[in-house]
C-alpha atoms as a PDB file:
ATOM      1  CA  UNK A   1      83.717 115.360  88.625  1.00  0.00           C
ATOM      2  CA  UNK A   2      81.329 114.630  85.711  1.00  0.00           C
ATOM      3  CA  UNK A   3      82.385 117.890  84.049  1.00  0.00           C
ATOM      4  CA  UNK A   4      86.144 116.986  84.382  1.00  0.00           C
ATOM      5  CA  UNK A   5      85.517 113.551  82.781  1.00  0.00           C
ATOM      6  CA  UNK A   6      83.294 115.059  80.099  1.00  0.00           C
ATOM      7  CA  UNK A   7      86.203 117.304  79.053  1.00  0.00           C
ATOM      8  CA  UNK A   8      88.611 114.377  78.793  1.00  0.00           C
ATOM      9  CA  UNK A   9      90.207 114.676  82.282  1.00  0.00           C
ATOM     10  CA  UNK A  10      90.678 112.157  84.988  1.00  0.00           C
ATOM     11  CA  UNK A  11      90.409 113.157  88.594  1.00  0.00           C
ATOM     12  CA  UNK A  12      93.519 112.072  90.609  1.00  0.00           C
ATOM     13  CA  UNK A  13      94.643 112.147  94.221  1.00  0.00           C
ATOM     14  CA  UNK A  14      98.215 112.113  95.581  1.00  0.00           C
ATOM     15  CA  UNK A  15      98.737 110.475  99.020  1.00  0.00           C
ATOM     16  CA  UNK A  16     101.785 109.992 101.117  1.00  0.00           C
ATOM     17  CA  UNK A  17     103.061 113.504 101.494  1.00  0.00           C
ATOM     18  CA  UNK A  18     102.280 116.065 104.159  1.00  0.00           C
ATOM     19  CA  UNK A  19      98.885 116.696 102.662  1.00  0.00           C
ATOM     20  CA  UNK A  20      96.476 114.962 100.234  1.00  0.00           C
ATOM     21  CA  UNK A  21      96.559 116.734  96.815  1.00  0.00           C
ATOM     22  CA  UNK A  22      93.710 116.592  94.285  1.00  0.00           C
ATOM     23  CA  UNK A  23      94.518 117.257  90.601  1.00  0.00           C
ATOM     24  CA  UNK A  24      93.423 116.366  87.086  1.00  0.00           C
ATOM     25  CA  UNK A  25      95.309 114.610  84.251  1.00  0.00           C
ATOM     26  CA  UNK A  26      94.218 114.313  80.602  1.00  0.00           C
ATOM     27  CA  UNK A  27      92.937 110.797  79.850  1.00  0.00           C
ATOM     28  CA  UNK A  28      95.515 110.296  77.026  1.00  0.00           C
ATOM     29  CA  UNK A  29      98.347 111.002  79.491  1.00  0.00           C
ATOM     30  CA  UNK A  30      97.434 107.943  81.561  1.00  0.00           C
ATOM     31  CA  UNK A  31      97.069 105.342  78.821  1.00  0.00           C
ATOM     32  CA  UNK A  32     100.714 104.172  78.725  1.00  0.00           C
ATOM     33  CA  UNK A  33     100.946 104.198  82.491  1.00  0.00           C
ATOM     34  CA  UNK A  34      97.712 102.311  83.242  1.00  0.00           C
ATOM     35  CA  UNK A  35      97.619  99.653  80.487  1.00  0.00           C
ATOM     36  CA  UNK A  36     100.921  98.001  81.293  1.00  0.00           C
ATOM     37  CA  UNK A  37     102.127  95.330  83.778  1.00  0.00           C
ATOM     38  CA  UNK A  38     105.253  97.365  84.584  1.00  0.00           C
ATOM     39  CA  UNK A  39     105.884  99.567  87.605  1.00  0.00           C
ATOM     40  CA  UNK A  40     106.817 103.155  86.802  1.00  0.00           C
ATOM     41  CA  UNK A  41     107.940 106.125  88.901  1.00  0.00           C
ATOM     42  CA  UNK A  42     105.841 109.015  87.765  1.00  0.00           C
ATOM     43  CA  UNK A  43     107.297 112.524  87.854  1.00  0.00           C
ATOM     44  CA  UNK A  44     104.333 114.687  88.748  1.00  0.00           C
ATOM     45  CA  UNK A  45     104.432 118.459  88.403  1.00  0.00           C
ATOM     46  CA  UNK A  46     101.775 119.836  90.716  1.00  0.00           C
ATOM     47  CA  UNK A  47     101.612 123.665  90.793  1.00  0.00           C
ATOM     48  CA  UNK A  48     105.388 123.847  89.943  1.00  0.00           C
ATOM     49  CA  UNK A  49     106.379 121.296  92.596  1.00  0.00           C
ATOM     50  CA  UNK A  50     108.093 118.133  91.347  1.00  0.00           C
ATOM     51  CA  UNK A  51     106.920 114.934  93.104  1.00  0.00           C
ATOM     52  CA  UNK A  52     107.941 111.286  92.537  1.00  0.00           C
ATOM     53  CA  UNK A  53     105.032 108.924  92.864  1.00  0.00           C
ATOM     54  CA  UNK A  54     103.754 105.428  91.967  1.00  0.00           C
ATOM     55  CA  UNK A  55     100.367 104.477  90.650  1.00  0.00           C
ATOM     56  CA  UNK A  56      98.555 103.022  93.614  1.00  0.00           C
ATOM     57  CA  UNK A  57      94.954 102.461  92.458  1.00  0.00           C
ATOM     58  CA  UNK A  58      92.756 102.843  89.383  1.00  0.00           C
ATOM     59  CA  UNK A  59      89.025 102.869  89.116  1.00  0.00           C
ATOM     60  CA  UNK A  60      87.374 101.976  85.827  1.00  0.00           C
ATOM     61  CA  UNK A  61      83.811 102.569  84.557  1.00  0.00           C
ATOM     62  CA  UNK A  62      81.999  99.248  84.938  1.00  0.00           C
ATOM     63  CA  UNK A  63      80.546  99.285  81.425  1.00  0.00           C
ATOM     64  CA  UNK A  64      82.666 101.606  79.267  1.00  0.00           C
ATOM     65  CA  UNK A  65      85.993 100.496  80.762  1.00  0.00           C
ATOM     66  CA  UNK A  66      87.186 104.093  80.811  1.00  0.00           C
ATOM     67  CA  UNK A  67      89.377 105.429  83.623  1.00  0.00           C
ATOM     68  CA  UNK A  68      87.246 107.130  86.344  1.00  0.00           C
ATOM     69  CA  UNK A  69      89.826 107.897  89.009  1.00  0.00           C
ATOM     70  CA  UNK A  70      93.504 107.386  89.795  1.00  0.00           C
ATOM     71  CA  UNK A  71      95.367 107.382  93.137  1.00  0.00           C
ATOM     72  CA  UNK A  72      99.087 108.071  93.280  1.00  0.00           C
ATOM     73  CA  UNK A  73     101.365 107.506  96.248  1.00  0.00           C
ATOM     74  CA  UNK A  74     104.282 109.877  96.916  1.00  0.00           C
ATOM     75  CA  UNK A  75     107.603 108.022  97.270  1.00  0.00           C
ATOM     76  CA  UNK A  76     109.651 108.646 100.397  1.00  0.00           C
ATOM     77  CA  UNK A  77     113.072 106.978  99.939  1.00  0.00           C
ATOM     78  CA  UNK A  78     113.325 106.269 103.722  1.00  0.00           C
ATOM     79  CA  UNK A  79     109.845 104.640 104.184  1.00  0.00           C
ATOM     80  CA  UNK A  80     108.771 101.169 102.942  1.00  0.00           C
ATOM     81  CA  UNK A  81     105.804 101.059 100.644  1.00  0.00           C
ATOM     82  CA  UNK A  82     103.294  98.291  99.861  1.00  0.00           C
ATOM     83  CA  UNK A  83     102.599  97.583  96.231  1.00  0.00           C
ATOM     84  CA  UNK A  84     101.813  94.721  93.794  1.00  0.00           C
ATOM     85  CA  UNK A  85     104.607  93.456  91.652  1.00  0.00           C
ATOM     86  CA  UNK A  86     104.053  91.285  88.482  1.00  0.00           C
ATOM     87  CA  UNK A  87     104.982  87.609  88.555  1.00  0.00           C
ATOM     88  CA  UNK A  88     107.023  86.016  85.765  1.00  0.00           C
ATOM     89  CA  UNK A  89     107.343  82.246  85.543  1.00  0.00           C
ATOM     90  CA  UNK A  90     110.755  80.847  84.434  1.00  0.00           C
ATOM     91  CA  UNK A  91     111.701  77.358  83.320  1.00  0.00           C
ATOM     92  CA  UNK A  92     109.884  74.340  81.831  1.00  0.00           C
ATOM     93  CA  UNK A  93     107.993  72.528  84.554  1.00  0.00           C
ATOM     94  CA  UNK A  94     108.490  68.704  84.900  1.00  0.00           C
ATOM     95  CA  UNK A  95     104.707  68.381  84.905  1.00  0.00           C
ATOM     96  CA  UNK A  96     104.407  70.173  81.568  1.00  0.00           C
ATOM     97  CA  UNK A  97     106.955  67.721  80.094  1.00  0.00           C
ATOM     98  CA  UNK A  98     104.675  64.942  81.386  1.00  0.00           C
ATOM     99  CA  UNK A  99     101.639  66.365  79.526  1.00  0.00           C
ATOM    100  CA  UNK A 100     100.276  68.861  82.097  1.00  0.00           C
ATOM    101  CA  UNK A 101      99.506  72.507  81.644  1.00  0.00           C
ATOM    102  CA  UNK A 102     101.061  75.326  83.625  1.00  0.00           C
ATOM    103  CA  UNK A 103      98.590  77.891  84.864  1.00  0.00           C
ATOM    104  CA  UNK A 104      99.463  81.237  86.462  1.00  0.00           C
ATOM    105  CA  UNK A 105      96.891  81.886  89.245  1.00  0.00           C
ATOM    106  CA  UNK A 106      98.315  85.179  90.622  1.00  0.00           C
ATOM    107  CA  UNK A 107      99.559  87.739  88.196  1.00  0.00           C
ATOM    108  CA  UNK A 108     100.833  90.092  90.929  1.00  0.00           C
ATOM    109  CA  UNK A 109     102.114  89.611  94.517  1.00  0.00           C
ATOM    110  CA  UNK A 110     101.766  92.310  97.130  1.00  0.00           C
ATOM    111  CA  UNK A 111     105.127  93.246  98.696  1.00  0.00           C
ATOM    112  CA  UNK A 112     106.481  95.716 101.263  1.00  0.00           C
ATOM    113  CA  UNK A 113     109.903  97.246 100.917  1.00  0.00           C
ATOM    114  CA  UNK A 114     111.811 100.426 100.298  1.00  0.00           C
ATOM    115  CA  UNK A 115     110.952 101.560  96.792  1.00  0.00           C
ATOM    116  CA  UNK A 116     114.515 101.307  95.422  1.00  0.00           C
ATOM    117  CA  UNK A 117     114.595  97.616  96.362  1.00  0.00           C
ATOM    118  CA  UNK A 118     111.346  96.616  94.684  1.00  0.00           C
ATOM    119  CA  UNK A 119     112.052  94.861  91.341  1.00  0.00           C
ATOM    120  CA  UNK A 120     110.126  95.293  88.066  1.00  0.00           C
ATOM    121  CA  UNK A 121     108.911  91.693  88.393  1.00  0.00           C
ATOM    122  CA  UNK A 122     109.186  88.634  90.648  1.00  0.00           C
ATOM    123  CA  UNK A 123     110.728  85.733  88.870  1.00  0.00           C
ATOM    124  CA  UNK A 124     109.480  82.272  90.010  1.00  0.00           C
ATOM    125  CA  UNK A 125     111.342  79.182  88.791  1.00  0.00           C
ATOM    126  CA  UNK A 126     108.911  76.369  88.020  1.00  0.00           C
ATOM    127  CA  UNK A 127     111.301  73.804  86.558  1.00  0.00           C
ATOM    128  CA  UNK A 128     110.823  71.502  89.612  1.00  0.00           C
ATOM    129  CA  UNK A 129     107.040  71.558  89.456  1.00  0.00           C
ATOM    130  CA  UNK A 130     105.408  68.176  88.816  1.00  0.00           C
ATOM    131  CA  UNK A 131     101.854  67.246  87.734  1.00  0.00           C
ATOM    132  CA  UNK A 132      99.235  68.580  90.160  1.00  0.00           C
ATOM    133  CA  UNK A 133     101.865  70.591  92.146  1.00  0.00           C
ATOM    134  CA  UNK A 134     101.606  74.221  93.103  1.00  0.00           C
ATOM    135  CA  UNK A 135     103.789  77.085  94.199  1.00  0.00           C
ATOM    136  CA  UNK A 136     102.284  79.119  97.059  1.00  0.00           C
ATOM    137  CA  UNK A 137     103.262  82.598  98.217  1.00  0.00           C
ATOM    138  CA  UNK A 138     104.545  81.228 101.472  1.00  0.00           C
ATOM    139  CA  UNK A 139     107.059  79.033  99.594  1.00  0.00           C
ATOM    140  CA  UNK A 140     108.670  82.139  97.943  1.00  0.00           C
ATOM    141  CA  UNK A 141     111.419  84.366  99.314  1.00  0.00           C
ATOM    142  CA  UNK A 142     112.943  87.458  97.774  1.00  0.00           C
ATOM    143  CA  UNK A 143     115.816  89.365  99.377  1.00  0.00           C
ATOM    144  CA  UNK A 144     114.743  92.590 100.996  1.00  0.00           C
ATOM    145  CA  UNK A 145     111.014  92.034 100.254  1.00  0.00           C
ATOM    146  CA  UNK A 146     108.276  91.218 102.763  1.00  0.00           C
ATOM    147  CA  UNK A 147     105.554  89.340 100.958  1.00  0.00           C
ATOM    148  CA  UNK A 148     102.152  90.692 101.999  1.00  0.00           C
ATOM    149  CA  UNK A 149      99.869  88.460  99.942  1.00  0.00           C
ATOM    150  CA  UNK A 150      98.267  85.460 101.773  1.00  0.00           C
ATOM    151  CA  UNK A 151     100.854  82.774 102.397  1.00  0.00           C
ATOM    152  CA  UNK A 152      98.463  80.032 101.237  1.00  0.00           C
ATOM    153  CA  UNK A 153      97.591  81.815  97.968  1.00  0.00           C
ATOM    154  CA  UNK A 154      98.482  79.749  94.900  1.00  0.00           C
ATOM    155  CA  UNK A 155     100.829  81.545  92.455  1.00  0.00           C
ATOM    156  CA  UNK A 156     100.907  78.776  89.873  1.00  0.00           C
ATOM    157  CA  UNK A 157      99.870  75.169  89.349  1.00  0.00           C
ATOM    158  CA  UNK A 158     100.573  72.395  86.859  1.00  0.00           C
ATOM    159  CA  UNK A 159      97.166  71.024  85.968  1.00  0.00           C
ATOM    160  CA  UNK A 160      96.604  67.543  84.754  1.00  0.00           C
ATOM    161  CA  UNK A 161      95.104  67.724  81.238  1.00  0.00           C
ATOM    162  CA  UNK A 162      92.536  65.287  79.865  1.00  0.00           C
ATOM    163  CA  UNK A 163      95.099  63.955  77.478  1.00  0.00           C
ATOM    164  CA  UNK A 164      97.596  63.321  80.308  1.00  0.00           C
ATOM    165  CA  UNK A 165      94.855  61.624  82.382  1.00  0.00           C
ATOM    166  CA  UNK A 166      93.989  59.406  79.447  1.00  0.00           C
ATOM    167  CA  UNK A 167      97.675  58.475  78.910  1.00  0.00           C
ATOM    168  CA  UNK A 168      98.145  57.698  82.625  1.00  0.00           C
ATOM    169  CA  UNK A 169      94.964  55.535  82.604  1.00  0.00           C
ATOM    170  CA  UNK A 170      96.068  53.517  79.566  1.00  0.00           C
ATOM    171  CA  UNK A 171      99.575  53.187  80.899  1.00  0.00           C
ATOM    172  CA  UNK A 172      98.145  51.821  84.147  1.00  0.00           C
ATOM    173  CA  UNK A 173      96.229  48.977  82.367  1.00  0.00           C
END
């Protein structure tokens, strides 16, 4: 493994097919795939065989932040897969208009579905969110998707800022 990394390669594993396949990819070939919030289908060519897969897991060096290992999962159009999908907040929250600050707590939500149903991102409308209010995973629903993240996990919250607290205190006097 050290020799592979020393020569600029990254050890990879492909799961989900009939057998587990080990292969190596040049480090430069993974940069655009790894350092993005988007979900991509990767066309792998392993010993002349074309395979569609998704990036499942990445291991980084704890100090150098270089890629140590990558796991891919072979896509089977008939079987549901579990993967994390990025969250995008939409709308101007009522609490922000009142002086609060919107904070995204979960950047990705784990979902289970057939691959062709999984969207590039999960859009969460926060326009109704007041000061101190949250959106939890259990409150969300997306057609065709089973949400696998903890139902009580907070996706976003409108925090009360010091300035808003001060304004509320002076208004109350």
